[in-house]
Amino acid sequence: MTNQFDRNNFVAIFRTIQIVFGTLALGQIFILAVFLLTIQNRSNDEAWDLNTVPFYVVPIIGITAMFLSRYVYNQNLLKVAPTESVIEKLGKYRTFKIISWAILEGAGLFSLIAFYITSNYLYVIIFILIFVFFLLNRPSREGFVQDIQLSVSEKDTLLKG
């Protein structure tokens, strides 16, 4: 990874990963906004009977998704061979991150759907907690270097500029 072509290729691929992350984040926010606007015209009395099961299930799924996304990500990182090229490692990093984000996004969307069905704002709070955890898992060069086994020269090349 010493020549400029590899660095440019790395930057382009990493930018794509950041775009995917941003798109997933904006999609969740868009769905939240649509549900908030739609729910304002509904009476809470008619939906309150539906609140018993999700009241316990949604927080359990949210907490489980946070732990599961981190566990799956860490387990997948153990499968990366130190002999692979930086671009191969970056491809695996992208895959592992997308899997982790998908787990979190699924739990977040589940809490939003529970909110939409029951009109209980507790599920929005749970979504916000999951979403903050989602944001904390954003891709970064420093995170890539820290998570993936790179040589010292590769780390220096990636982190400068």
C-alpha atoms as a PDB file:
ATOM      1  CA  MET A   1       0.000   0.000   0.000  1.00  0.00           C
ATOM      2  CA  THR A   2       2.859   2.315  -0.626  1.00  0.00           C
ATOM      3  CA  ASN A   3       1.913   3.652  -4.031  1.00  0.00           C
ATOM      4  CA  GLN A   4      -0.554   6.455  -4.629  1.00  0.00           C
ATOM      5  CA  PHE A   5      -2.945   4.321  -6.730  1.00  0.00           C
ATOM      6  CA  ASP A   6      -3.669   1.996  -3.805  1.00  0.00           C
ATOM      7  CA  ARG A   7      -4.226   4.939  -1.479  1.00  0.00           C
ATOM      8  CA  ASN A   8      -6.663   6.540  -3.918  1.00  0.00           C
ATOM      9  CA  ASN A   9      -8.464   3.226  -4.312  1.00  0.00           C
ATOM     10  CA  PHE A  10      -8.665   2.925  -0.522  1.00  0.00           C
ATOM     11  CA  VAL A  11     -10.070   6.458  -0.193  1.00  0.00           C
ATOM     12  CA  ALA A  12     -12.703   5.802  -2.864  1.00  0.00           C
ATOM     13  CA  ILE A  13     -13.828   2.530  -1.283  1.00  0.00           C
ATOM     14  CA  PHE A  14     -13.872   4.074   2.180  1.00  0.00           C
ATOM     15  CA  ARG A  15     -15.942   7.003   0.925  1.00  0.00           C
ATOM     16  CA  THR A  16     -18.451   4.474  -0.410  1.00  0.00           C
ATOM     17  CA  ILE A  17     -18.663   2.845   3.016  1.00  0.00           C
ATOM     18  CA  GLN A  18     -19.358   6.241   4.571  1.00  0.00           C
ATOM     19  CA  ILE A  19     -22.077   6.925   1.985  1.00  0.00           C
ATOM     20  CA  VAL A  20     -23.758   3.605   2.781  1.00  0.00           C
ATOM     21  CA  PHE A  21     -23.670   4.443   6.486  1.00  0.00           C
ATOM     22  CA  GLY A  22     -25.093   7.924   5.907  1.00  0.00           C
ATOM     23  CA  THR A  23     -27.855   6.568   3.710  1.00  0.00           C
ATOM     24  CA  LEU A  24     -28.862   3.988   6.308  1.00  0.00           C
ATOM     25  CA  ALA A  25     -28.868   6.653   9.024  1.00  0.00           C
ATOM     26  CA  LEU A  26     -30.933   9.102   6.960  1.00  0.00           C
ATOM     27  CA  GLY A  27     -33.395   6.355   6.060  1.00  0.00           C
ATOM     28  CA  GLN A  28     -34.062   5.640   9.712  1.00  0.00           C
ATOM     29  CA  ILE A  29     -34.517   9.326  10.495  1.00  0.00           C
ATOM     30  CA  PHE A  30     -36.873   9.692   7.522  1.00  0.00           C
ATOM     31  CA  ILE A  31     -39.034   6.786   8.722  1.00  0.00           C
ATOM     32  CA  LEU A  32     -39.113   8.270  12.232  1.00  0.00           C
ATOM     33  CA  ALA A  33     -40.228  11.629  10.832  1.00  0.00           C
ATOM     34  CA  VAL A  34     -42.959  10.050   8.700  1.00  0.00           C
ATOM     35  CA  PHE A  35     -44.245   8.017  11.639  1.00  0.00           C
ATOM     36  CA  LEU A  36     -44.193  11.051  13.955  1.00  0.00           C
ATOM     37  CA  LEU A  37     -46.157  13.126  11.456  1.00  0.00           C
ATOM     38  CA  THR A  38     -48.639  10.338  10.788  1.00  0.00           C
ATOM     39  CA  ILE A  39     -49.204   9.419  14.424  1.00  0.00           C
ATOM     40  CA  GLN A  40     -50.186  12.934  15.524  1.00  0.00           C
ATOM     41  CA  ASN A  41     -53.704  12.571  14.143  1.00  0.00           C
ATOM     42  CA  ARG A  42     -54.430   9.294  15.888  1.00  0.00           C
ATOM     43  CA  SER A  43     -56.074   8.713  19.256  1.00  0.00           C
ATOM     44  CA  ASN A  44     -53.977   6.879  21.843  1.00  0.00           C
ATOM     45  CA  ASP A  45     -56.994   5.070  23.321  1.00  0.00           C
ATOM     46  CA  GLU A  46     -57.520   2.766  20.375  1.00  0.00           C
ATOM     47  CA  ALA A  47     -53.881   1.638  20.256  1.00  0.00           C
ATOM     48  CA  TRP A  48     -53.197   1.298  23.987  1.00  0.00           C
ATOM     49  CA  ASP A  49     -54.587  -2.262  24.138  1.00  0.00           C
ATOM     50  CA  LEU A  50     -51.889  -3.368  21.701  1.00  0.00           C
ATOM     51  CA  ASN A  51     -49.122  -2.145  23.993  1.00  0.00           C
ATOM     52  CA  THR A  52     -48.740  -5.087  26.392  1.00  0.00           C
ATOM     53  CA  VAL A  53     -46.519  -7.433  24.360  1.00  0.00           C
ATOM     54  CA  PRO A  54     -44.286  -4.814  22.657  1.00  0.00           C
ATOM     55  CA  PHE A  55     -43.731  -3.151  26.041  1.00  0.00           C
ATOM     56  CA  TYR A  56     -41.445  -6.066  26.959  1.00  0.00           C
ATOM     57  CA  VAL A  57     -40.342  -7.315  23.552  1.00  0.00           C
ATOM     58  CA  VAL A  58     -39.064  -4.062  22.012  1.00  0.00           C
ATOM     59  CA  PRO A  59     -36.516  -3.246  24.757  1.00  0.00           C
ATOM     60  CA  ILE A  60     -35.300  -6.854  24.795  1.00  0.00           C
ATOM     61  CA  ILE A  61     -34.824  -6.844  21.026  1.00  0.00           C
ATOM     62  CA  GLY A  62     -33.057  -3.466  21.192  1.00  0.00           C
ATOM     63  CA  ILE A  63     -30.589  -4.535  23.876  1.00  0.00           C
ATOM     64  CA  THR A  64     -30.023  -7.898  22.213  1.00  0.00           C
ATOM     65  CA  ALA A  65     -29.365  -6.232  18.852  1.00  0.00           C
ATOM     66  CA  MET A  66     -26.759  -3.920  20.374  1.00  0.00           C
ATOM     67  CA  PHE A  67     -24.852  -6.813  21.925  1.00  0.00           C
ATOM     68  CA  LEU A  68     -25.350  -9.089  18.914  1.00  0.00           C
ATOM     69  CA  SER A  69     -24.132  -6.508  16.401  1.00  0.00           C
ATOM     70  CA  ARG A  70     -20.950  -5.970  18.386  1.00  0.00           C
ATOM     71  CA  TYR A  71     -20.428  -9.697  18.953  1.00  0.00           C
ATOM     72  CA  VAL A  72     -20.903 -10.603  15.271  1.00  0.00           C
ATOM     73  CA  TYR A  73     -18.585  -7.783  14.213  1.00  0.00           C
ATOM     74  CA  ASN A  74     -15.838  -8.865  16.617  1.00  0.00           C
ATOM     75  CA  GLN A  75     -16.179 -12.535  15.667  1.00  0.00           C
ATOM     76  CA  ASN A  76     -15.883 -11.668  11.992  1.00  0.00           C
ATOM     77  CA  LEU A  77     -12.779  -9.560  12.631  1.00  0.00           C
ATOM     78  CA  LEU A  78     -11.051 -12.642  14.020  1.00  0.00           C
ATOM     79  CA  LYS A  79     -11.369 -14.275  10.576  1.00  0.00           C
ATOM     80  CA  VAL A  80      -9.278 -11.609   8.817  1.00  0.00           C
ATOM     81  CA  ALA A  81      -5.854 -12.956   7.917  1.00  0.00           C
ATOM     82  CA  PRO A  82      -2.884 -10.626   8.471  1.00  0.00           C
ATOM     83  CA  THR A  83      -1.458 -11.666   5.082  1.00  0.00           C
ATOM     84  CA  GLU A  84      -4.374 -10.208   3.089  1.00  0.00           C
ATOM     85  CA  SER A  85      -3.954  -6.937   1.219  1.00  0.00           C
ATOM     86  CA  VAL A  86      -5.355  -3.712   2.642  1.00  0.00           C
ATOM     87  CA  ILE A  87      -8.036  -3.590  -0.066  1.00  0.00           C
ATOM     88  CA  GLU A  88      -9.143  -7.146   0.789  1.00  0.00           C
ATOM     89  CA  LYS A  89      -9.246  -6.222   4.454  1.00  0.00           C
ATOM     90  CA  LEU A  90     -11.242  -3.111   3.605  1.00  0.00           C
ATOM     91  CA  GLY A  91     -13.755  -5.208   1.693  1.00  0.00           C
ATOM     92  CA  LYS A  92     -14.195  -7.475   4.686  1.00  0.00           C
ATOM     93  CA  TYR A  93     -14.427  -4.450   7.002  1.00  0.00           C
ATOM     94  CA  ARG A  94     -17.212  -3.067   4.791  1.00  0.00           C
ATOM     95  CA  THR A  95     -19.081  -6.377   4.903  1.00  0.00           C
ATOM     96  CA  PHE A  96     -18.725  -6.707   8.665  1.00  0.00           C
ATOM     97  CA  LYS A  97     -19.900  -3.139   9.244  1.00  0.00           C
ATOM     98  CA  ILE A  98     -22.934  -3.575   6.987  1.00  0.00           C
ATOM     99  CA  ILE A  99     -23.929  -6.742   8.840  1.00  0.00           C
ATOM    100  CA  SER A 100     -23.568  -4.923  12.163  1.00  0.00           C
ATOM    101  CA  TRP A 101     -25.582  -1.937  10.917  1.00  0.00           C
ATOM    102  CA  ALA A 102     -28.291  -4.222   9.533  1.00  0.00           C
ATOM    103  CA  ILE A 103     -28.780  -5.834  12.934  1.00  0.00           C
ATOM    104  CA  LEU A 104     -29.078  -2.429  14.585  1.00  0.00           C
ATOM    105  CA  GLU A 105     -31.306  -1.019  11.874  1.00  0.00           C
ATOM    106  CA  GLY A 106     -33.633  -4.008  12.140  1.00  0.00           C
ATOM    107  CA  ALA A 107     -34.067  -3.448  15.873  1.00  0.00           C
ATOM    108  CA  GLY A 108     -34.545   0.286  15.329  1.00  0.00           C
ATOM    109  CA  LEU A 109     -37.187  -0.246  12.671  1.00  0.00           C
ATOM    110  CA  PHE A 110     -38.909  -2.795  14.885  1.00  0.00           C
ATOM    111  CA  SER A 111     -39.172  -0.214  17.657  1.00  0.00           C
ATOM    112  CA  LEU A 112     -40.503   2.366  15.181  1.00  0.00           C
ATOM    113  CA  ILE A 113     -43.138  -0.055  13.923  1.00  0.00           C
ATOM    114  CA  ALA A 114     -44.160  -0.771  17.527  1.00  0.00           C
ATOM    115  CA  PHE A 115     -44.416   2.991  18.034  1.00  0.00           C
ATOM    116  CA  TYR A 116     -46.540   3.371  14.914  1.00  0.00           C
ATOM    117  CA  ILE A 117     -48.905   0.584  15.964  1.00  0.00           C
ATOM    118  CA  THR A 118     -49.249   1.534  19.643  1.00  0.00           C
ATOM    119  CA  SER A 119     -48.610   5.321  19.639  1.00  0.00           C
ATOM    120  CA  ASN A 120     -46.381   4.812  22.690  1.00  0.00           C
ATOM    121  CA  TYR A 121     -43.473   7.260  22.662  1.00  0.00           C
ATOM    122  CA  LEU A 122     -41.406   4.912  24.835  1.00  0.00           C
ATOM    123  CA  TYR A 123     -40.537   3.089  21.615  1.00  0.00           C
ATOM    124  CA  VAL A 124     -39.184   6.291  20.108  1.00  0.00           C
ATOM    125  CA  ILE A 125     -36.852   6.585  23.093  1.00  0.00           C
ATOM    126  CA  ILE A 126     -35.726   2.998  22.541  1.00  0.00           C
ATOM    127  CA  PHE A 127     -35.199   3.786  18.855  1.00  0.00           C
ATOM    128  CA  ILE A 128     -33.104   6.818  19.784  1.00  0.00           C
ATOM    129  CA  LEU A 129     -30.896   4.672  22.032  1.00  0.00           C
ATOM    130  CA  ILE A 130     -30.421   2.112  19.261  1.00  0.00           C
ATOM    131  CA  PHE A 131     -29.770   4.911  16.770  1.00  0.00           C
ATOM    132  CA  VAL A 132     -27.109   6.482  19.005  1.00  0.00           C
ATOM    133  CA  PHE A 133     -25.414   3.077  19.215  1.00  0.00           C
ATOM    134  CA  PHE A 134     -25.727   2.889  15.412  1.00  0.00           C
ATOM    135  CA  LEU A 135     -24.019   6.289  15.102  1.00  0.00           C
ATOM    136  CA  LEU A 136     -21.223   5.197  17.429  1.00  0.00           C
ATOM    137  CA  ASN A 137     -20.467   2.391  14.949  1.00  0.00           C
ATOM    138  CA  ARG A 138     -19.819   4.774  12.062  1.00  0.00           C
ATOM    139  CA  PRO A 139     -16.895   3.948   9.802  1.00  0.00           C
ATOM    140  CA  SER A 140     -13.640   5.795  10.341  1.00  0.00           C
ATOM    141  CA  ARG A 141     -10.079   5.362   9.169  1.00  0.00           C
ATOM    142  CA  GLU A 142      -8.924   5.213  12.763  1.00  0.00           C
ATOM    143  CA  GLY A 143     -11.507   2.536  13.535  1.00  0.00           C
ATOM    144  CA  PHE A 144     -10.431   0.551  10.491  1.00  0.00           C
ATOM    145  CA  VAL A 145      -6.778   0.749  11.507  1.00  0.00           C
ATOM    146  CA  GLN A 146      -7.620  -0.194  15.088  1.00  0.00           C
ATOM    147  CA  ASP A 147      -9.928  -3.090  14.184  1.00  0.00           C
ATOM    148  CA  ILE A 148      -8.011  -4.640  11.284  1.00  0.00           C
ATOM    149  CA  GLN A 149      -4.478  -6.002  11.621  1.00  0.00           C
ATOM    150  CA  LEU A 150      -2.260  -3.688   9.580  1.00  0.00           C
ATOM    151  CA  SER A 151       1.486  -3.251   9.393  1.00  0.00           C
ATOM    152  CA  VAL A 152       3.045  -0.093  10.776  1.00  0.00           C
ATOM    153  CA  SER A 153       3.784   1.265   7.287  1.00  0.00           C
ATOM    154  CA  GLU A 154       0.188   0.610   6.194  1.00  0.00           C
ATOM    155  CA  LYS A 155      -1.127   2.393   9.280  1.00  0.00           C
ATOM    156  CA  ASP A 156       1.081   5.406   8.614  1.00  0.00           C
ATOM    157  CA  THR A 157       0.024   5.571   4.966  1.00  0.00           C
ATOM    158  CA  LEU A 158      -3.676   5.361   5.777  1.00  0.00           C
ATOM    159  CA  LEU A 159      -3.761   7.783   8.676  1.00  0.00           C
ATOM    160  CA  LYS A 160      -1.756  10.602   7.103  1.00  0.00           C
ATOM    161  CA  GLY A 161      -3.656  12.976   4.876  1.00  0.00           C
END
